[in-house]
Amino acid sequence: MEVFFIIKHTDPKTFEAEFLSFVNNYVKKQGGKGPKSAEVRFMGDTIVYFLRGILTERERKLIQSPEGQRVVIESRRVFLEMDKEHRIAKFEEFLGCKVLENYESWNLENDSATAVLLLEKNMWKSS
């Protein structure tokens, strides 16, 4: 089964690299620090991406206590909520379609995060 993009690119690997670059640059610009590594999975109308090495030195120290963990989670949650409209608009601009649903989660012990984007259309088709 051959798979190809029906969006900006015809080469899935090129689009994957550009998408990860977009995510890394966005996270770094908005949060002051980009992830150490990232990977992405494309599944029809859904994108799942994983970020590793997301914590700042300050957050690494804070999460050593239960109160610090709560502070880090709450500050990240508040920031994501404050930035949501801007972030979704940038993703939609990059992807060229609407983002219908967006989910994010962190695993502080593993210094990682994941996000799921549900798009208005299937961005890829098989032939």
PDB file of N, CA and C in Angstrom:
ATOM      1  N   MET A   1       0.842  -1.173   0.000  1.00  0.00           N
ATOM      2  CA  MET A   1       0.000   0.000   0.000  1.00  0.00           C
ATOM      3  C   MET A   1       0.886   1.235   0.000  1.00  0.00           C
ATOM      4  N   GLU A   2       0.714   2.091  -0.970  1.00  0.00           N
ATOM      5  CA  GLU A   2       1.464   3.337  -1.061  1.00  0.00           C
ATOM      6  C   GLU A   2       0.681   4.423  -0.342  1.00  0.00           C
ATOM      7  N   VAL A   3       1.373   5.228   0.441  1.00  0.00           N
ATOM      8  CA  VAL A   3       0.733   6.316   1.167  1.00  0.00           C
ATOM      9  C   VAL A   3       1.364   7.620   0.705  1.00  0.00           C
ATOM     10  N   PHE A   4       0.558   8.625   0.495  1.00  0.00           N
ATOM     11  CA  PHE A   4       1.113   9.924   0.129  1.00  0.00           C
ATOM     12  C   PHE A   4       0.300  11.039   0.760  1.00  0.00           C
ATOM     13  N   PHE A   5       0.944  12.198   0.899  1.00  0.00           N
ATOM     14  CA  PHE A   5       0.311  13.349   1.516  1.00  0.00           C
ATOM     15  C   PHE A   5      -0.577  14.062   0.523  1.00  0.00           C
ATOM     16  N   ILE A   6      -1.696  14.576   1.022  1.00  0.00           N
ATOM     17  CA  ILE A   6      -2.541  15.415   0.185  1.00  0.00           C
ATOM     18  C   ILE A   6      -2.507  16.852   0.683  1.00  0.00           C
ATOM     19  N   ILE A   7      -1.490  17.164   1.500  1.00  0.00           N
ATOM     20  CA  ILE A   7      -1.346  18.538   1.945  1.00  0.00           C
ATOM     21  C   ILE A   7      -0.138  19.154   1.251  1.00  0.00           C
ATOM     22  N   LYS A   8       0.630  19.963   1.920  1.00  0.00           N
ATOM     23  CA  LYS A   8       1.683  20.761   1.298  1.00  0.00           C
ATOM     24  C   LYS A   8       2.774  19.940   0.610  1.00  0.00           C
ATOM     25  N   HIS A   9       2.952  18.707   1.000  1.00  0.00           N
ATOM     26  CA  HIS A   9       4.113  17.946   0.548  1.00  0.00           C
ATOM     27  C   HIS A   9       3.686  16.610  -0.050  1.00  0.00           C
ATOM     28  N   THR A  10       4.546  16.071  -0.887  1.00  0.00           N
ATOM     29  CA  THR A  10       4.275  14.743  -1.422  1.00  0.00           C
ATOM     30  C   THR A  10       5.106  13.686  -0.716  1.00  0.00           C
ATOM     31  N   ASP A  11       6.115  14.097   0.009  1.00  0.00           N
ATOM     32  CA  ASP A  11       7.008  13.151   0.674  1.00  0.00           C
ATOM     33  C   ASP A  11       6.723  13.122   2.182  1.00  0.00           C
ATOM     34  N   PRO A  12       6.240  11.997   2.705  1.00  0.00           N
ATOM     35  CA  PRO A  12       5.924  11.914   4.142  1.00  0.00           C
ATOM     36  C   PRO A  12       7.111  12.222   5.057  1.00  0.00           C
ATOM     37  N   LYS A  13       8.300  11.785   4.702  1.00  0.00           N
ATOM     38  CA  LYS A  13       9.473  12.027   5.564  1.00  0.00           C
ATOM     39  C   LYS A  13       9.819  13.512   5.619  1.00  0.00           C
ATOM     40  N   THR A  14       9.670  14.195   4.483  1.00  0.00           N
ATOM     41  CA  THR A  14       9.914  15.636   4.456  1.00  0.00           C
ATOM     42  C   THR A  14       8.905  16.344   5.350  1.00  0.00           C
ATOM     43  N   PHE A  15       7.634  15.963   5.222  1.00  0.00           N
ATOM     44  CA  PHE A  15       6.612  16.607   6.045  1.00  0.00           C
ATOM     45  C   PHE A  15       6.841  16.298   7.521  1.00  0.00           C
ATOM     46  N   GLU A  16       7.200  15.077   7.837  1.00  0.00           N
ATOM     47  CA  GLU A  16       7.468  14.712   9.228  1.00  0.00           C
ATOM     48  C   GLU A  16       8.567  15.596   9.807  1.00  0.00           C
ATOM     49  N   ALA A  17       9.652  15.769   9.066  1.00  0.00           N
ATOM     50  CA  ALA A  17      10.766  16.605   9.531  1.00  0.00           C
ATOM     51  C   ALA A  17      10.328  18.055   9.700  1.00  0.00           C
ATOM     52  N   GLU A  18       9.531  18.555   8.763  1.00  0.00           N
ATOM     53  CA  GLU A  18       9.068  19.939   8.858  1.00  0.00           C
ATOM     54  C   GLU A  18       8.083  20.116  10.015  1.00  0.00           C
ATOM     55  N   PHE A  19       7.230  19.130  10.235  1.00  0.00           N
ATOM     56  CA  PHE A  19       6.281  19.207  11.348  1.00  0.00           C
ATOM     57  C   PHE A  19       7.031  19.220  12.675  1.00  0.00           C
ATOM     58  N   LEU A  20       8.002  18.327  12.839  1.00  0.00           N
ATOM     59  CA  LEU A  20       8.768  18.279  14.086  1.00  0.00           C
ATOM     60  C   LEU A  20       9.563  19.562  14.294  1.00  0.00           C
ATOM     61  N   SER A  21      10.103  20.125  13.235  1.00  0.00           N
ATOM     62  CA  SER A  21      10.818  21.390  13.334  1.00  0.00           C
ATOM     63  C   SER A  21       9.860  22.493  13.781  1.00  0.00           C
ATOM     64  N   PHE A  22       8.655  22.502  13.201  1.00  0.00           N
ATOM     65  CA  PHE A  22       7.633  23.474  13.595  1.00  0.00           C
ATOM     66  C   PHE A  22       7.308  23.340  15.085  1.00  0.00           C
ATOM     67  N   VAL A  23       7.054  22.114  15.554  1.00  0.00           N
ATOM     68  CA  VAL A  23       6.715  21.881  16.956  1.00  0.00           C
ATOM     69  C   VAL A  23       7.876  22.305  17.860  1.00  0.00           C
ATOM     70  N   ASN A  24       9.083  21.861  17.545  1.00  0.00           N
ATOM     71  CA  ASN A  24      10.246  22.195  18.370  1.00  0.00           C
ATOM     72  C   ASN A  24      10.439  23.705  18.469  1.00  0.00           C
ATOM     73  N   ASN A  25      10.348  24.391  17.336  1.00  0.00           N
ATOM     74  CA  ASN A  25      10.539  25.841  17.330  1.00  0.00           C
ATOM     75  C   ASN A  25       9.428  26.549  18.082  1.00  0.00           C
ATOM     76  N   TYR A  26       8.197  26.073  17.943  1.00  0.00           N
ATOM     77  CA  TYR A  26       7.081  26.691  18.650  1.00  0.00           C
ATOM     78  C   TYR A  26       7.258  26.539  20.160  1.00  0.00           C
ATOM     79  N   VAL A  27       7.578  25.343  20.605  1.00  0.00           N
ATOM     80  CA  VAL A  27       7.756  25.089  22.039  1.00  0.00           C
ATOM     81  C   VAL A  27       8.893  25.953  22.587  1.00  0.00           C
ATOM     82  N   LYS A  28       9.989  26.025  21.845  1.00  0.00           N
ATOM     83  CA  LYS A  28      11.129  26.821  22.302  1.00  0.00           C
ATOM     84  C   LYS A  28      10.778  28.306  22.353  1.00  0.00           C
ATOM     85  N   LYS A  29      10.107  28.803  21.334  1.00  0.00           N
ATOM     86  CA  LYS A  29       9.757  30.227  21.295  1.00  0.00           C
ATOM     87  C   LYS A  29       8.780  30.590  22.412  1.00  0.00           C
ATOM     88  N   GLN A  30       7.778  29.752  22.635  1.00  0.00           N
ATOM     89  CA  GLN A  30       6.753  30.062  23.627  1.00  0.00           C
ATOM     90  C   GLN A  30       7.184  29.730  25.052  1.00  0.00           C
ATOM     91  N   GLY A  31       7.975  28.671  25.213  1.00  0.00           N
ATOM     92  CA  GLY A  31       8.334  28.222  26.549  1.00  0.00           C
ATOM     93  C   GLY A  31       9.753  28.520  26.976  1.00  0.00           C
ATOM     94  N   GLY A  32      10.574  29.016  26.057  1.00  0.00           N
ATOM     95  CA  GLY A  32      11.947  29.354  26.401  1.00  0.00           C
ATOM     96  C   GLY A  32      12.933  28.208  26.291  1.00  0.00           C
ATOM     97  N   LYS A  33      12.418  26.986  26.103  1.00  0.00           N
ATOM     98  CA  LYS A  33      13.275  25.813  25.978  1.00  0.00           C
ATOM     99  C   LYS A  33      12.569  24.796  25.110  1.00  0.00           C
ATOM    100  N   GLY A  34      13.269  24.317  24.106  1.00  0.00           N
ATOM    101  CA  GLY A  34      12.699  23.282  23.256  1.00  0.00           C
ATOM    102  C   GLY A  34      12.992  21.908  23.807  1.00  0.00           C
ATOM    103  N   PRO A  35      12.284  20.891  23.322  1.00  0.00           N
ATOM    104  CA  PRO A  35      12.545  19.527  23.763  1.00  0.00           C
ATOM    105  C   PRO A  35      13.891  19.033  23.234  1.00  0.00           C
ATOM    106  N   LYS A  36      14.469  18.060  23.928  1.00  0.00           N
ATOM    107  CA  LYS A  36      15.727  17.464  23.448  1.00  0.00           C
ATOM    108  C   LYS A  36      15.489  16.551  22.258  1.00  0.00           C
ATOM    109  N   SER A  37      14.306  15.912  22.221  1.00  0.00           N
ATOM    110  CA  SER A  37      13.966  15.065  21.076  1.00  0.00           C
ATOM    111  C   SER A  37      12.461  15.046  20.894  1.00  0.00           C
ATOM    112  N   ALA A  38      12.045  14.693  19.684  1.00  0.00           N
ATOM    113  CA  ALA A  38      10.621  14.652  19.373  1.00  0.00           C
ATOM    114  C   ALA A  38      10.376  13.590  18.315  1.00  0.00           C
ATOM    115  N   GLU A  39       9.186  13.021  18.350  1.00  0.00           N
ATOM    116  CA  GLU A  39       8.771  12.089  17.296  1.00  0.00           C
ATOM    117  C   GLU A  39       7.281  12.263  17.074  1.00  0.00           C
ATOM    118  N   VAL A  40       6.824  11.837  15.910  1.00  0.00           N
ATOM    119  CA  VAL A  40       5.430  12.056  15.538  1.00  0.00           C
ATOM    120  C   VAL A  40       4.878  10.822  14.843  1.00  0.00           C
ATOM    121  N   ARG A  41       3.565  10.623  14.993  1.00  0.00           N
ATOM    122  CA  ARG A  41       2.834   9.562  14.290  1.00  0.00           C
ATOM    123  C   ARG A  41       1.645  10.224  13.605  1.00  0.00           C
ATOM    124  N   PHE A  42       1.461   9.926  12.334  1.00  0.00           N
ATOM    125  CA  PHE A  42       0.326  10.425  11.569  1.00  0.00           C
ATOM    126  C   PHE A  42      -0.619   9.263  11.309  1.00  0.00           C
ATOM    127  N   MET A  43      -1.896   9.453  11.623  1.00  0.00           N
ATOM    128  CA  MET A  43      -2.897   8.394  11.436  1.00  0.00           C
ATOM    129  C   MET A  43      -4.181   9.029  10.901  1.00  0.00           C
ATOM    130  N   GLY A  44      -4.297   9.120   9.589  1.00  0.00           N
ATOM    131  CA  GLY A  44      -5.509   9.671   8.991  1.00  0.00           C
ATOM    132  C   GLY A  44      -5.768  11.096   9.416  1.00  0.00           C
ATOM    133  N   ASP A  45      -6.792  11.298  10.231  1.00  0.00           N
ATOM    134  CA  ASP A  45      -7.140  12.639  10.688  1.00  0.00           C
ATOM    135  C   ASP A  45      -6.570  12.950  12.069  1.00  0.00           C
ATOM    136  N   THR A  46      -5.584  12.159  12.516  1.00  0.00           N
ATOM    137  CA  THR A  46      -5.027  12.315  13.857  1.00  0.00           C
ATOM    138  C   THR A  46      -3.500  12.394  13.802  1.00  0.00           C
ATOM    139  N   ILE A  47      -2.961  13.313  14.581  1.00  0.00           N
ATOM    140  CA  ILE A  47      -1.512  13.442  14.747  1.00  0.00           C
ATOM    141  C   ILE A  47      -1.213  13.273  16.232  1.00  0.00           C
ATOM    142  N   VAL A  48      -0.235  12.418  16.536  1.00  0.00           N
ATOM    143  CA  VAL A  48       0.235  12.246  17.910  1.00  0.00           C
ATOM    144  C   VAL A  48       1.721  12.561  17.897  1.00  0.00           C
ATOM    145  N   TYR A  49       2.130  13.460  18.779  1.00  0.00           N
ATOM    146  CA  TYR A  49       3.566  13.719  18.862  1.00  0.00           C
ATOM    147  C   TYR A  49       4.044  13.616  20.304  1.00  0.00           C
ATOM    148  N   PHE A  50       5.307  13.217  20.426  1.00  0.00           N
ATOM    149  CA  PHE A  50       5.951  12.956  21.707  1.00  0.00           C
ATOM    150  C   PHE A  50       7.161  13.866  21.836  1.00  0.00           C
ATOM    151  N   LEU A  51       7.304  14.491  22.983  1.00  0.00           N
ATOM    152  CA  LEU A  51       8.446  15.357  23.261  1.00  0.00           C
ATOM    153  C   LEU A  51       9.181  14.812  24.473  1.00  0.00           C
ATOM    154  N   ARG A  52      10.503  14.753  24.381  1.00  0.00           N
ATOM    155  CA  ARG A  52      11.322  14.261  25.492  1.00  0.00           C
ATOM    156  C   ARG A  52      12.369  15.314  25.847  1.00  0.00           C
ATOM    157  N   GLY A  53      12.690  15.376  27.117  1.00  0.00           N
ATOM    158  CA  GLY A  53      13.641  16.394  27.566  1.00  0.00           C
ATOM    159  C   GLY A  53      12.983  17.760  27.600  1.00  0.00           C
ATOM    160  N   ILE A  54      11.819  17.839  28.228  1.00  0.00           N
ATOM    161  CA  ILE A  54      11.017  19.068  28.205  1.00  0.00           C
ATOM    162  C   ILE A  54      11.220  19.956  29.428  1.00  0.00           C
ATOM    163  N   LEU A  55      11.738  19.399  30.506  1.00  0.00           N
ATOM    164  CA  LEU A  55      11.821  20.145  31.765  1.00  0.00           C
ATOM    165  C   LEU A  55      13.016  21.092  31.802  1.00  0.00           C
ATOM    166  N   THR A  56      12.808  22.247  32.419  1.00  0.00           N
ATOM    167  CA  THR A  56      13.915  23.155  32.671  1.00  0.00           C
ATOM    168  C   THR A  56      14.661  22.663  33.912  1.00  0.00           C
ATOM    169  N   GLU A  57      15.836  23.220  34.150  1.00  0.00           N
ATOM    170  CA  GLU A  57      16.587  22.850  35.360  1.00  0.00           C
ATOM    171  C   GLU A  57      15.768  23.173  36.610  1.00  0.00           C
ATOM    172  N   ARG A  58      15.100  24.307  36.608  1.00  0.00           N
ATOM    173  CA  ARG A  58      14.275  24.706  37.749  1.00  0.00           C
ATOM    174  C   ARG A  58      13.160  23.684  37.987  1.00  0.00           C
ATOM    175  N   GLU A  59      12.487  23.254  36.903  1.00  0.00           N
ATOM    176  CA  GLU A  59      11.409  22.273  37.053  1.00  0.00           C
ATOM    177  C   GLU A  59      11.937  20.935  37.555  1.00  0.00           C
ATOM    178  N   ARG A  60      13.121  20.523  37.109  1.00  0.00           N
ATOM    179  CA  ARG A  60      13.709  19.263  37.589  1.00  0.00           C
ATOM    180  C   ARG A  60      13.902  19.289  39.100  1.00  0.00           C
ATOM    181  N   LYS A  61      14.314  20.432  39.611  1.00  0.00           N
ATOM    182  CA  LYS A  61      14.496  20.560  41.065  1.00  0.00           C
ATOM    183  C   LYS A  61      13.144  20.585  41.770  1.00  0.00           C
ATOM    184  N   LEU A  62      12.191  21.318  41.210  1.00  0.00           N
ATOM    185  CA  LEU A  62      10.872  21.432  41.833  1.00  0.00           C
ATOM    186  C   LEU A  62      10.162  20.088  41.944  1.00  0.00           C
ATOM    187  N   ILE A  63      10.266  19.243  40.924  1.00  0.00           N
ATOM    188  CA  ILE A  63       9.505  17.984  40.936  1.00  0.00           C
ATOM    189  C   ILE A  63      10.036  16.965  41.931  1.00  0.00           C
ATOM    190  N   GLN A  64      11.091  17.310  42.646  1.00  0.00           N
ATOM    191  CA  GLN A  64      11.609  16.402  43.656  1.00  0.00           C
ATOM    192  C   GLN A  64      10.716  16.345  44.894  1.00  0.00           C
ATOM    193  N   SER A  65       9.764  17.267  44.979  1.00  0.00           N
ATOM    194  CA  SER A  65       8.809  17.223  46.088  1.00  0.00           C
ATOM    195  C   SER A  65       7.389  17.198  45.525  1.00  0.00           C
ATOM    196  N   PRO A  66       6.444  16.631  46.289  1.00  0.00           N
ATOM    197  CA  PRO A  66       5.045  16.609  45.818  1.00  0.00           C
ATOM    198  C   PRO A  66       4.498  18.019  45.551  1.00  0.00           C
ATOM    199  N   GLU A  67       4.810  18.971  46.419  1.00  0.00           N
ATOM    200  CA  GLU A  67       4.340  20.350  46.214  1.00  0.00           C
ATOM    201  C   GLU A  67       4.939  20.931  44.929  1.00  0.00           C
ATOM    202  N   GLY A  68       6.211  20.666  44.700  1.00  0.00           N
ATOM    203  CA  GLY A  68       6.873  21.137  43.484  1.00  0.00           C
ATOM    204  C   GLY A  68       6.254  20.534  42.230  1.00  0.00           C
ATOM    205  N   GLN A  69       5.900  19.252  42.304  1.00  0.00           N
ATOM    206  CA  GLN A  69       5.234  18.609  41.161  1.00  0.00           C
ATOM    207  C   GLN A  69       3.915  19.313  40.854  1.00  0.00           C
ATOM    208  N   ARG A  70       3.153  19.620  41.890  1.00  0.00           N
ATOM    209  CA  ARG A  70       1.872  20.326  41.690  1.00  0.00           C
ATOM    210  C   ARG A  70       2.098  21.699  41.056  1.00  0.00           C
ATOM    211  N   VAL A  71       3.142  22.400  41.512  1.00  0.00           N
ATOM    212  CA  VAL A  71       3.445  23.725  40.973  1.00  0.00           C
ATOM    213  C   VAL A  71       3.795  23.625  39.484  1.00  0.00           C
ATOM    214  N   VAL A  72       4.633  22.677  39.126  1.00  0.00           N
ATOM    215  CA  VAL A  72       5.048  22.520  37.725  1.00  0.00           C
ATOM    216  C   VAL A  72       3.852  22.157  36.856  1.00  0.00           C
ATOM    217  N   ILE A  73       3.063  21.201  37.283  1.00  0.00           N
ATOM    218  CA  ILE A  73       1.897  20.786  36.495  1.00  0.00           C
ATOM    219  C   ILE A  73       0.920  21.939  36.347  1.00  0.00           C
ATOM    220  N   GLU A  74       0.635  22.632  37.442  1.00  0.00           N
ATOM    221  CA  GLU A  74      -0.330  23.734  37.376  1.00  0.00           C
ATOM    222  C   GLU A  74       0.187  24.874  36.510  1.00  0.00           C
ATOM    223  N   SER A  75       1.453  25.223  36.623  1.00  0.00           N
ATOM    224  CA  SER A  75       1.980  26.323  35.802  1.00  0.00           C
ATOM    225  C   SER A  75       1.962  25.946  34.318  1.00  0.00           C
ATOM    226  N   ARG A  76       2.273  24.709  33.984  1.00  0.00           N
ATOM    227  CA  ARG A  76       2.204  24.266  32.588  1.00  0.00           C
ATOM    228  C   ARG A  76       0.753  24.242  32.107  1.00  0.00           C
ATOM    229  N   ARG A  77      -0.163  23.797  32.947  1.00  0.00           N
ATOM    230  CA  ARG A  77      -1.577  23.758  32.567  1.00  0.00           C
ATOM    231  C   ARG A  77      -2.111  25.160  32.301  1.00  0.00           C
ATOM    232  N   VAL A  78      -1.785  26.086  33.193  1.00  0.00           N
ATOM    233  CA  VAL A  78      -2.247  27.469  33.033  1.00  0.00           C
ATOM    234  C   VAL A  78      -1.646  28.081  31.767  1.00  0.00           C
ATOM    235  N   PHE A  79      -0.360  27.863  31.545  1.00  0.00           N
ATOM    236  CA  PHE A  79       0.264  28.412  30.338  1.00  0.00           C
ATOM    237  C   PHE A  79      -0.392  27.854  29.074  1.00  0.00           C
ATOM    238  N   LEU A  80      -0.605  26.533  29.031  1.00  0.00           N
ATOM    239  CA  LEU A  80      -1.243  25.943  27.846  1.00  0.00           C
ATOM    240  C   LEU A  80      -2.630  26.514  27.607  1.00  0.00           C
ATOM    241  N   GLU A  81      -3.374  26.726  28.676  1.00  0.00           N
ATOM    242  CA  GLU A  81      -4.714  27.296  28.523  1.00  0.00           C
ATOM    243  C   GLU A  81      -4.636  28.729  28.019  1.00  0.00           C
ATOM    244  N   MET A  82      -3.712  29.511  28.547  1.00  0.00           N
ATOM    245  CA  MET A  82      -3.559  30.896  28.111  1.00  0.00           C
ATOM    246  C   MET A  82      -3.106  30.986  26.653  1.00  0.00           C
ATOM    247  N   ASP A  83      -2.307  30.037  26.213  1.00  0.00           N
ATOM    248  CA  ASP A  83      -1.719  30.050  24.870  1.00  0.00           C
ATOM    249  C   ASP A  83      -2.540  29.259  23.855  1.00  0.00           C
ATOM    250  N   LYS A  84      -3.624  28.610  24.295  1.00  0.00           N
ATOM    251  CA  LYS A  84      -4.344  27.663  23.448  1.00  0.00           C
ATOM    252  C   LYS A  84      -4.809  28.262  22.121  1.00  0.00           C
ATOM    253  N   GLU A  85      -5.465  29.398  22.158  1.00  0.00           N
ATOM    254  CA  GLU A  85      -5.989  29.996  20.929  1.00  0.00           C
ATOM    255  C   GLU A  85      -4.866  30.281  19.933  1.00  0.00           C
ATOM    256  N   HIS A  86      -3.788  30.860  20.414  1.00  0.00           N
ATOM    257  CA  HIS A  86      -2.636  31.163  19.557  1.00  0.00           C
ATOM    258  C   HIS A  86      -2.003  29.889  19.013  1.00  0.00           C
ATOM    259  N   ARG A  87      -1.809  28.910  19.903  1.00  0.00           N
ATOM    260  CA  ARG A  87      -1.166  27.644  19.514  1.00  0.00           C
ATOM    261  C   ARG A  87      -1.980  26.923  18.452  1.00  0.00           C
ATOM    262  N   ILE A  88      -3.290  26.808  18.672  1.00  0.00           N
ATOM    263  CA  ILE A  88      -4.139  26.104  17.706  1.00  0.00           C
ATOM    264  C   ILE A  88      -4.134  26.841  16.368  1.00  0.00           C
ATOM    265  N   ALA A  89      -4.177  28.170  16.401  1.00  0.00           N
ATOM    266  CA  ALA A  89      -4.135  28.953  15.155  1.00  0.00           C
ATOM    267  C   ALA A  89      -2.845  28.683  14.389  1.00  0.00           C
ATOM    268  N   LYS A  90      -1.728  28.595  15.081  1.00  0.00           N
ATOM    269  CA  LYS A  90      -0.444  28.321  14.417  1.00  0.00           C
ATOM    270  C   LYS A  90      -0.414  26.907  13.825  1.00  0.00           C
ATOM    271  N   PHE A  91      -0.946  25.932  14.561  1.00  0.00           N
ATOM    272  CA  PHE A  91      -1.016  24.567  14.028  1.00  0.00           C
ATOM    273  C   PHE A  91      -1.913  24.531  12.794  1.00  0.00           C
ATOM    274  N   GLU A  92      -3.050  25.194  12.852  1.00  0.00           N
ATOM    275  CA  GLU A  92      -3.964  25.202  11.709  1.00  0.00           C
ATOM    276  C   GLU A  92      -3.319  25.879  10.499  1.00  0.00           C
ATOM    277  N   GLU A  93      -2.597  26.947  10.746  1.00  0.00           N
ATOM    278  CA  GLU A  93      -1.894  27.630   9.655  1.00  0.00           C
ATOM    279  C   GLU A  93      -0.859  26.695   9.027  1.00  0.00           C
ATOM    280  N   PHE A  94      -0.092  26.018   9.859  1.00  0.00           N
ATOM    281  CA  PHE A  94       0.937  25.109   9.347  1.00  0.00           C
ATOM    282  C   PHE A  94       0.316  23.939   8.582  1.00  0.00           C
ATOM    283  N   LEU A  95      -0.738  23.350   9.153  1.00  0.00           N
ATOM    284  CA  LEU A  95      -1.352  22.158   8.570  1.00  0.00           C
ATOM    285  C   LEU A  95      -2.293  22.474   7.406  1.00  0.00           C
ATOM    286  N   GLY A  96      -2.839  23.676   7.392  1.00  0.00           N
ATOM    287  CA  GLY A  96      -3.771  24.035   6.337  1.00  0.00           C
ATOM    288  C   GLY A  96      -5.166  23.462   6.548  1.00  0.00           C
ATOM    289  N   CYS A  97      -5.525  23.165   7.802  1.00  0.00           N
ATOM    290  CA  CYS A  97      -6.869  22.675   8.116  1.00  0.00           C
ATOM    291  C   CYS A  97      -7.172  22.954   9.589  1.00  0.00           C
ATOM    292  N   LYS A  98      -8.430  22.780   9.962  1.00  0.00           N
ATOM    293  CA  LYS A  98      -8.879  23.013  11.331  1.00  0.00           C
ATOM    294  C   LYS A  98      -8.431  21.890  12.259  1.00  0.00           C
ATOM    295  N   VAL A  99      -8.092  22.262  13.480  1.00  0.00           N
ATOM    296  CA  VAL A  99      -7.853  21.312  14.554  1.00  0.00           C
ATOM    297  C   VAL A  99      -9.156  21.258  15.355  1.00  0.00           C
ATOM    298  N   LEU A 100      -9.813  20.097  15.347  1.00  0.00           N
ATOM    299  CA  LEU A 100     -11.100  19.951  16.035  1.00  0.00           C
ATOM    300  C   LEU A 100     -10.937  19.709  17.530  1.00  0.00           C
ATOM    301  N   GLU A 101      -9.943  18.895  17.877  1.00  0.00           N
ATOM    302  CA  GLU A 101      -9.686  18.578  19.284  1.00  0.00           C
ATOM    303  C   GLU A 101      -8.190  18.544  19.512  1.00  0.00           C
ATOM    304  N   ASN A 102      -7.794  18.870  20.741  1.00  0.00           N
ATOM    305  CA  ASN A 102      -6.384  18.950  21.092  1.00  0.00           C
ATOM    306  C   ASN A 102      -6.225  18.471  22.540  1.00  0.00           C
ATOM    307  N   TYR A 103      -5.318  17.531  22.757  1.00  0.00           N
ATOM    308  CA  TYR A 103      -5.065  16.991  24.100  1.00  0.00           C
ATOM    309  C   TYR A 103      -3.567  17.004  24.361  1.00  0.00           C
ATOM    310  N   GLU A 104      -3.189  17.356  25.594  1.00  0.00           N
ATOM    311  CA  GLU A 104      -1.785  17.352  25.980  1.00  0.00           C
ATOM    312  C   GLU A 104      -1.643  16.724  27.360  1.00  0.00           C
ATOM    313  N   SER A 105      -0.507  16.068  27.567  1.00  0.00           N
ATOM    314  CA  SER A 105      -0.240  15.461  28.859  1.00  0.00           C
ATOM    315  C   SER A 105       1.265  15.411  29.091  1.00  0.00           C
ATOM    316  N   TRP A 106       1.652  15.414  30.361  1.00  0.00           N
ATOM    317  CA  TRP A 106       3.062  15.330  30.728  1.00  0.00           C
ATOM    318  C   TRP A 106       3.296  14.118  31.617  1.00  0.00           C
ATOM    319  N   ASN A 107       4.503  13.611  31.543  1.00  0.00           N
ATOM    320  CA  ASN A 107       4.990  12.611  32.483  1.00  0.00           C
ATOM    321  C   ASN A 107       6.281  13.204  33.043  1.00  0.00           C
ATOM    322  N   LEU A 108       6.168  13.850  34.187  1.00  0.00           N
ATOM    323  CA  LEU A 108       7.312  14.575  34.740  1.00  0.00           C
ATOM    324  C   LEU A 108       8.469  13.652  35.102  1.00  0.00           C
ATOM    325  N   GLU A 109       8.155  12.482  35.634  1.00  0.00           N
ATOM    326  CA  GLU A 109       9.218  11.544  36.011  1.00  0.00           C
ATOM    327  C   GLU A 109      10.046  11.118  34.796  1.00  0.00           C
ATOM    328  N   ASN A 110       9.403  11.011  33.644  1.00  0.00           N
ATOM    329  CA  ASN A 110      10.109  10.628  32.411  1.00  0.00           C
ATOM    330  C   ASN A 110      10.567  11.834  31.600  1.00  0.00           C
ATOM    331  N   ASP A 111      10.300  13.050  32.115  1.00  0.00           N
ATOM    332  CA  ASP A 111      10.708  14.275  31.429  1.00  0.00           C
ATOM    333  C   ASP A 111      10.170  14.284  29.989  1.00  0.00           C
ATOM    334  N   SER A 112       8.867  13.996  29.864  1.00  0.00           N
ATOM    335  CA  SER A 112       8.289  13.886  28.526  1.00  0.00           C
ATOM    336  C   SER A 112       6.861  14.434  28.489  1.00  0.00           C
ATOM    337  N   ALA A 113       6.405  14.663  27.273  1.00  0.00           N
ATOM    338  CA  ALA A 113       5.036  15.132  27.047  1.00  0.00           C
ATOM    339  C   ALA A 113       4.524  14.499  25.767  1.00  0.00           C
ATOM    340  N   THR A 114       3.219  14.449  25.655  1.00  0.00           N
ATOM    341  CA  THR A 114       2.602  13.964  24.424  1.00  0.00           C
ATOM    342  C   THR A 114       1.412  14.850  24.108  1.00  0.00           C
ATOM    343  N   ALA A 115       1.088  14.916  22.825  1.00  0.00           N
ATOM    344  CA  ALA A 115      -0.081  15.690  22.402  1.00  0.00           C
ATOM    345  C   ALA A 115      -0.774  14.948  21.271  1.00  0.00           C
ATOM    346  N   VAL A 116      -2.084  15.116  21.224  1.00  0.00           N
ATOM    347  CA  VAL A 116      -2.910  14.510  20.175  1.00  0.00           C
ATOM    348  C   VAL A 116      -3.711  15.628  19.521  1.00  0.00           C
ATOM    349  N   LEU A 117      -3.677  15.661  18.201  1.00  0.00           N
ATOM    350  CA  LEU A 117      -4.463  16.620  17.433  1.00  0.00           C
ATOM    351  C   LEU A 117      -5.434  15.845  16.554  1.00  0.00           C
ATOM    352  N   LEU A 118      -6.711  16.135  16.675  1.00  0.00           N
ATOM    353  CA  LEU A 118      -7.727  15.561  15.796  1.00  0.00           C
ATOM    354  C   LEU A 118      -8.080  16.630  14.777  1.00  0.00           C
ATOM    355  N   LEU A 119      -7.896  16.316  13.499  1.00  0.00           N
ATOM    356  CA  LEU A 119      -8.068  17.290  12.426  1.00  0.00           C
ATOM    357  C   LEU A 119      -9.429  17.172  11.766  1.00  0.00           C
ATOM    358  N   GLU A 120      -9.834  18.212  11.062  1.00  0.00           N
ATOM    359  CA  GLU A 120     -11.144  18.230  10.410  1.00  0.00           C
ATOM    360  C   GLU A 120     -11.220  17.290   9.219  1.00  0.00           C
ATOM    361  N   LYS A 121     -10.073  16.868   8.700  1.00  0.00           N
ATOM    362  CA  LYS A 121     -10.081  15.992   7.543  1.00  0.00           C
ATOM    363  C   LYS A 121      -8.912  15.033   7.602  1.00  0.00           C
ATOM    364  N   ASN A 122      -9.039  13.985   6.856  1.00  0.00           N
ATOM    365  CA  ASN A 122      -7.954  13.028   6.718  1.00  0.00           C
ATOM    366  C   ASN A 122      -6.896  13.678   5.851  1.00  0.00           C
ATOM    367  N   MET A 123      -5.743  13.907   6.428  1.00  0.00           N
ATOM    368  CA  MET A 123      -4.681  14.612   5.715  1.00  0.00           C
ATOM    369  C   MET A 123      -3.915  13.729   4.743  1.00  0.00           C
ATOM    370  N   TRP A 124      -4.079  12.446   4.871  1.00  0.00           N
ATOM    371  CA  TRP A 124      -3.356  11.517   4.037  1.00  0.00           C
ATOM    372  C   TRP A 124      -4.321  10.533   3.442  1.00  0.00           C
ATOM    373  N   LYS A 125      -4.011  10.020   2.293  1.00  0.00           N
ATOM    374  CA  LYS A 125      -4.845   8.972   1.728  1.00  0.00           C
ATOM    375  C   LYS A 125      -3.956   7.895   1.141  1.00  0.00           C
ATOM    376  N   SER A 126      -4.497   6.707   1.044  1.00  0.00           N
ATOM    377  CA  SER A 126      -3.774   5.565   0.487  1.00  0.00           C
ATOM    378  C   SER A 126      -4.238   5.326  -0.924  1.00  0.00           C
ATOM    379  N   SER A 127      -3.341   4.772  -1.729  1.00  0.00           N
ATOM    380  CA  SER A 127      -3.730   4.412  -3.094  1.00  0.00           C
ATOM    381  C   SER A 127      -3.217   3.036  -3.428  1.00  0.00           C
TER     382      SER A 127
END
